[in-house]
Amino acid sequence: FSLLGYVAGFQGQFDRSLKLFTEFYQEGLSQNHVQHQAMGLISQAWVLWMRGQFAEVIALLERAQPLFAMSTGTAFVESAAYGWLASIYLRQGQHSQAEQTATKAAELLAKAPMPFYNHVLTHANIAEVFLALWEKEQQQKSRAAEFKAKARKACRALHGLLRWYPLAEPGAWLWQGVYDWQDGKPDRARQSWQKSLAAAQKFAMSYDEALAYEAIGQHATGAEREATLARAREIFYRLGVIGLDAPSAPVE
């Protein structure tokens, strides 16, 4: 159920993905398997996070929280929970909470004995948060430098996952592009976003395809801006994403 749910989710089949993760959670309940229960809830949260249903995500994370203390085998999903929460805090403008929660997610990932496929998603959340904080704190040089270093580490971690999980490619190049843009390298940023788009299309990852179009459009002008943003909105609409500005890379 779990692997099939992730495949469906990556391909934008959100209803199917949510159904599979719900069944995975129910199976964990019937077998009293705490790890599978936690995985089922966190995986459902991922689908709802992509849809922009943040209140529902938070409710699922709250249900999962007690399970983390009941099993030593849930650290890899606990890190994912903190990743989703950090991203939501960022979108809500709660920057201090976003920083603290992303830091906790990174600390948990650092303790993982080996990379798990949902680490791709968590590193992307961490990169998103620290990139946004780096951009926000440009006037405070020491803080900006701190966030830049953390964002660079998260981007490198995403690229490092490629040898295990090729599906990390769209996200790795998406956030690398944001890093490059904020680092004053617009040409390299555009190349990164084009690589993200090509990888998303290669793997039929609709949500990531829309994110790539959105990033390209937000940093373009004229007809290119209008066309790429329209394409992103079209895909988000087809996927049932709530609030077209919710799943957004930092803007220029």
Protein backbone atom coordinates (compact mmCIF):
# COMPACT_ATOMS: atom_id res chain seq x y z
CA PHE A 1 0.00 0.00 0.00
CA SER A 2 2.68 2.50 1.03
CA LEU A 3 4.90 2.32 -2.05
CA LEU A 4 1.91 2.30 -4.40
CA GLY A 5 0.54 5.30 -2.53
CA TYR A 6 3.75 7.24 -3.07
CA VAL A 7 3.84 6.34 -6.76
CA ALA A 8 0.27 7.55 -7.17
CA GLY A 9 1.00 10.73 -5.22
CA PHE A 10 4.10 11.57 -7.24
CA GLN A 11 2.07 11.12 -10.41
CA GLY A 12 -0.65 13.46 -9.19
CA GLN A 13 -3.25 10.74 -8.55
CA PHE A 14 -4.15 12.25 -5.20
CA ASP A 15 -7.44 10.43 -4.60
CA ARG A 16 -5.87 7.05 -5.28
CA SER A 17 -2.84 7.91 -3.18
CA LEU A 18 -4.97 9.01 -0.23
CA LYS A 19 -7.07 5.83 -0.47
CA LEU A 20 -3.98 3.61 -0.44
CA PHE A 21 -2.44 5.43 2.53
CA THR A 22 -5.72 5.23 4.43
CA GLU A 23 -5.83 1.48 3.82
CA PHE A 24 -2.20 1.21 4.92
CA TYR A 25 -3.08 3.01 8.17
CA GLN A 26 -6.12 0.77 8.75
CA GLU A 27 -3.95 -2.29 8.23
CA GLY A 28 -1.52 -0.94 10.82
CA LEU A 29 -4.40 -0.53 13.25
CA SER A 30 -5.69 -4.05 12.70
CA GLN A 31 -2.21 -5.52 13.24
CA ASN A 32 -1.33 -3.13 16.09
CA HIS A 33 1.71 -2.06 14.05
CA VAL A 34 2.65 1.36 15.42
CA GLN A 35 5.21 2.15 12.72
CA HIS A 36 2.71 1.48 9.93
CA GLN A 37 0.10 3.58 11.70
CA ALA A 38 2.51 6.51 11.89
CA MET A 39 3.56 6.04 8.27
CA GLY A 40 -0.06 5.89 7.15
CA LEU A 41 -0.97 9.14 8.89
CA ILE A 42 2.14 11.02 7.75
CA SER A 43 1.72 9.81 4.18
CA GLN A 44 -1.90 10.98 4.14
CA ALA A 45 -0.62 14.33 5.41
CA TRP A 46 1.71 14.57 2.40
CA VAL A 47 -1.16 14.23 -0.06
CA LEU A 48 -3.27 16.78 1.77
CA TRP A 49 -0.28 19.12 2.04
CA MET A 50 0.09 19.06 -1.75
CA ARG A 51 -3.59 19.86 -2.06
CA GLY A 52 -3.18 22.82 0.27
CA GLN A 53 -5.48 21.38 2.96
CA PHE A 54 -3.26 22.52 5.81
CA ALA A 55 -5.81 22.30 8.63
CA GLU A 56 -6.33 18.63 7.79
CA VAL A 57 -2.56 18.10 7.64
CA ILE A 58 -2.10 19.53 11.13
CA ALA A 59 -4.91 17.30 12.45
CA LEU A 60 -3.18 14.21 11.04
CA LEU A 61 0.17 15.26 12.49
CA GLU A 62 -1.43 15.68 15.90
CA ARG A 63 -2.85 12.15 15.65
CA ALA A 64 0.57 10.80 14.70
CA GLN A 65 2.50 12.57 17.46
CA PRO A 66 1.75 10.06 20.27
CA LEU A 67 2.84 7.20 18.03
CA PHE A 68 6.38 8.56 17.74
CA ALA A 69 6.99 7.93 21.44
CA MET A 70 5.68 4.36 21.19
CA SER A 71 8.25 3.02 18.72
CA THR A 72 11.94 3.57 18.03
CA GLY A 73 11.28 2.84 14.35
CA THR A 74 9.30 5.99 13.61
CA ALA A 75 12.09 8.61 13.49
CA PHE A 76 12.08 8.69 9.69
CA VAL A 77 8.37 9.55 9.60
CA GLU A 78 8.68 11.91 12.56
CA SER A 79 11.17 13.94 10.55
CA ALA A 80 8.61 14.09 7.72
CA ALA A 81 5.99 15.38 10.16
CA TYR A 82 8.27 18.21 11.22
CA GLY A 83 9.01 18.92 7.56
CA TRP A 84 5.33 19.36 6.65
CA LEU A 85 4.73 21.44 9.76
CA ALA A 86 7.69 23.72 9.04
CA SER A 87 6.41 24.33 5.53
CA ILE A 88 2.95 25.18 6.85
CA TYR A 89 4.37 27.58 9.45
CA LEU A 90 6.29 29.28 6.64
CA ARG A 91 3.15 29.73 4.56
CA GLN A 92 1.36 31.15 7.59
CA GLY A 93 4.11 33.70 8.20
CA GLN A 94 5.19 32.08 11.48
CA HIS A 95 8.87 32.31 10.66
CA SER A 96 10.32 31.54 14.08
CA GLN A 97 8.24 28.36 14.34
CA ALA A 98 9.18 27.42 10.78
CA GLU A 99 12.87 27.77 11.61
CA GLN A 100 12.64 25.73 14.81
CA THR A 101 10.59 22.97 13.20
CA ALA A 102 12.79 22.72 10.10
CA THR A 103 15.83 22.50 12.38
CA LYS A 104 14.19 19.65 14.30
CA ALA A 105 13.45 17.85 11.01
CA ALA A 106 17.08 18.24 9.94
CA GLU A 107 18.33 16.92 13.29
CA LEU A 108 16.17 13.81 12.96
CA LEU A 109 17.34 13.22 9.38
CA ALA A 110 20.96 13.47 10.51
CA LYS A 111 20.38 10.52 12.86
CA ALA A 112 18.89 8.29 10.16
CA PRO A 113 21.07 5.20 9.50
CA MET A 114 20.19 5.22 5.79
CA PRO A 115 18.12 7.38 3.42
CA PHE A 116 14.43 6.52 3.11
CA TYR A 117 12.31 7.62 0.16
CA ASN A 118 10.29 10.14 2.14
CA HIS A 119 13.57 11.87 3.06
CA VAL A 120 13.32 13.36 -0.44
CA LEU A 121 10.21 15.24 0.63
CA THR A 122 11.57 16.28 4.03
CA HIS A 123 14.81 17.70 2.62
CA ALA A 124 12.71 19.67 0.15
CA ASN A 125 10.64 21.13 3.02
CA ILE A 126 13.81 22.06 4.87
CA ALA A 127 15.31 23.66 1.76
CA GLU A 128 12.12 25.65 1.16
CA VAL A 129 12.07 27.03 4.70
CA PHE A 130 15.71 28.06 4.91
CA LEU A 131 15.70 29.54 1.41
CA ALA A 132 12.71 31.69 2.35
CA LEU A 133 14.33 32.75 5.64
CA TRP A 134 17.57 33.57 3.84
CA GLU A 135 15.63 35.81 1.46
CA LYS A 136 13.71 37.43 4.32
CA GLU A 137 16.78 38.21 6.44
CA GLN A 138 18.93 39.84 3.75
CA GLN A 139 19.40 42.94 5.91
CA GLN A 140 20.78 40.92 8.83
CA LYS A 141 23.99 39.57 7.40
CA SER A 142 24.81 37.04 10.11
CA ARG A 143 21.34 35.51 10.04
CA ALA A 144 21.26 35.56 6.24
CA ALA A 145 24.59 33.74 6.13
CA GLU A 146 23.31 31.15 8.61
CA PHE A 147 20.17 30.46 6.62
CA LYS A 148 22.10 30.40 3.34
CA ALA A 149 24.41 27.71 4.72
CA LYS A 150 21.46 25.62 5.94
CA ALA A 151 19.69 26.02 2.59
CA ARG A 152 22.83 24.97 0.74
CA LYS A 153 23.14 21.89 2.95
CA ALA A 154 19.52 20.89 2.26
CA CYS A 155 19.96 21.37 -1.49
CA ARG A 156 23.11 19.25 -1.46
CA ALA A 157 21.30 16.57 0.51
CA LEU A 158 18.58 16.46 -2.15
CA HIS A 159 21.17 15.99 -4.89
CA GLY A 160 22.88 13.35 -2.77
CA LEU A 161 19.67 11.31 -2.70
CA LEU A 162 19.60 10.99 -6.49
CA ARG A 163 21.71 7.84 -6.55
CA TRP A 164 19.11 6.08 -4.40
CA TYR A 165 15.93 7.83 -5.49
CA PRO A 166 15.87 9.33 -9.00
CA LEU A 167 12.45 10.81 -8.17
CA ALA A 168 14.35 13.38 -6.08
CA GLU A 169 15.53 15.06 -9.30
CA PRO A 170 12.65 17.52 -9.88
CA GLY A 171 12.78 18.81 -6.30
CA ALA A 172 16.56 18.90 -6.20
CA TRP A 173 16.73 21.15 -9.26
CA LEU A 174 13.71 23.24 -8.23
CA TRP A 175 15.25 24.33 -4.94
CA GLN A 176 18.73 24.52 -6.44
CA GLY A 177 17.28 27.05 -8.85
CA VAL A 178 15.88 29.14 -6.00
CA TYR A 179 19.26 28.95 -4.28
CA ASP A 180 21.06 30.03 -7.45
CA TRP A 181 18.65 32.93 -8.02
CA GLN A 182 19.08 34.26 -4.50
CA ASP A 183 22.83 33.78 -4.85
CA GLY A 184 22.87 36.19 -7.78
CA LYS A 185 23.16 33.58 -10.54
CA PRO A 186 19.98 33.99 -12.62
CA ASP A 187 21.20 32.10 -15.68
CA ARG A 188 22.17 29.09 -13.59
CA ALA A 189 18.83 29.33 -11.78
CA ARG A 190 16.88 29.19 -15.05
CA GLN A 191 18.92 26.17 -16.14
CA SER A 192 18.13 24.45 -12.84
CA TRP A 193 14.39 25.08 -13.23
CA GLN A 194 14.45 23.76 -16.79
CA LYS A 195 16.14 20.60 -15.47
CA SER A 196 13.46 20.34 -12.79
CA LEU A 197 10.74 20.65 -15.43
CA ALA A 198 12.34 18.07 -17.72
CA ALA A 199 12.76 15.58 -14.86
CA ALA A 200 9.18 16.06 -13.68
CA GLN A 201 7.88 15.44 -17.19
CA LYS A 202 10.15 12.42 -17.61
CA PHE A 203 8.77 10.81 -14.45
CA ALA A 204 5.18 12.03 -15.05
CA MET A 205 5.27 13.94 -11.75
CA SER A 206 2.48 16.43 -12.36
CA TYR A 207 2.70 18.38 -9.11
CA ASP A 208 6.45 18.88 -9.51
CA GLU A 209 5.91 19.85 -13.13
CA ALA A 210 3.56 22.62 -11.99
CA LEU A 211 6.08 23.79 -9.38
CA ALA A 212 8.76 24.02 -12.06
CA TYR A 213 6.50 26.00 -14.40
CA GLU A 214 5.59 28.27 -11.49
CA ALA A 215 9.22 28.95 -10.59
CA ILE A 216 10.13 29.67 -14.22
CA GLY A 217 7.14 31.98 -14.63
CA GLN A 218 7.67 33.88 -11.39
CA HIS A 219 11.17 34.81 -12.50
CA ALA A 220 10.35 35.56 -16.15
CA THR A 221 8.78 38.56 -17.87
CA GLY A 222 6.25 39.26 -20.60
CA ALA A 223 4.74 36.46 -22.63
CA GLU A 224 6.96 33.78 -21.08
CA ARG A 225 5.79 34.73 -17.59
CA GLU A 226 2.13 34.66 -18.57
CA ALA A 227 2.39 31.35 -20.45
CA THR A 228 4.33 29.44 -17.80
CA LEU A 229 2.25 30.69 -14.88
CA ALA A 230 -0.92 29.81 -16.80
CA ARG A 231 0.44 26.32 -17.36
CA ALA A 232 1.23 25.96 -13.65
CA ARG A 233 -2.26 27.12 -12.67
CA GLU A 234 -3.81 24.70 -15.15
CA ILE A 235 -2.00 21.73 -13.62
CA PHE A 236 -2.70 22.82 -10.04
CA TYR A 237 -6.37 23.22 -10.90
CA ARG A 238 -6.50 19.77 -12.49
CA LEU A 239 -4.89 18.26 -9.40
CA GLY A 240 -7.37 19.99 -7.11
CA VAL A 241 -4.82 22.14 -5.30
CA ILE A 242 -6.46 24.68 -3.00
CA GLY A 243 -5.08 28.22 -3.35
CA LEU A 244 -2.80 28.57 -6.34
CA ASP A 245 -0.32 30.62 -4.37
CA ALA A 246 0.01 28.01 -1.60
CA PRO A 247 2.54 25.58 -3.14
CA SER A 248 4.85 28.36 -4.22
CA ALA A 249 8.60 28.75 -4.49
CA PRO A 250 9.93 32.04 -3.09
CA VAL A 251 9.45 34.87 -5.57
CA GLU A 252 11.97 37.39 -6.76
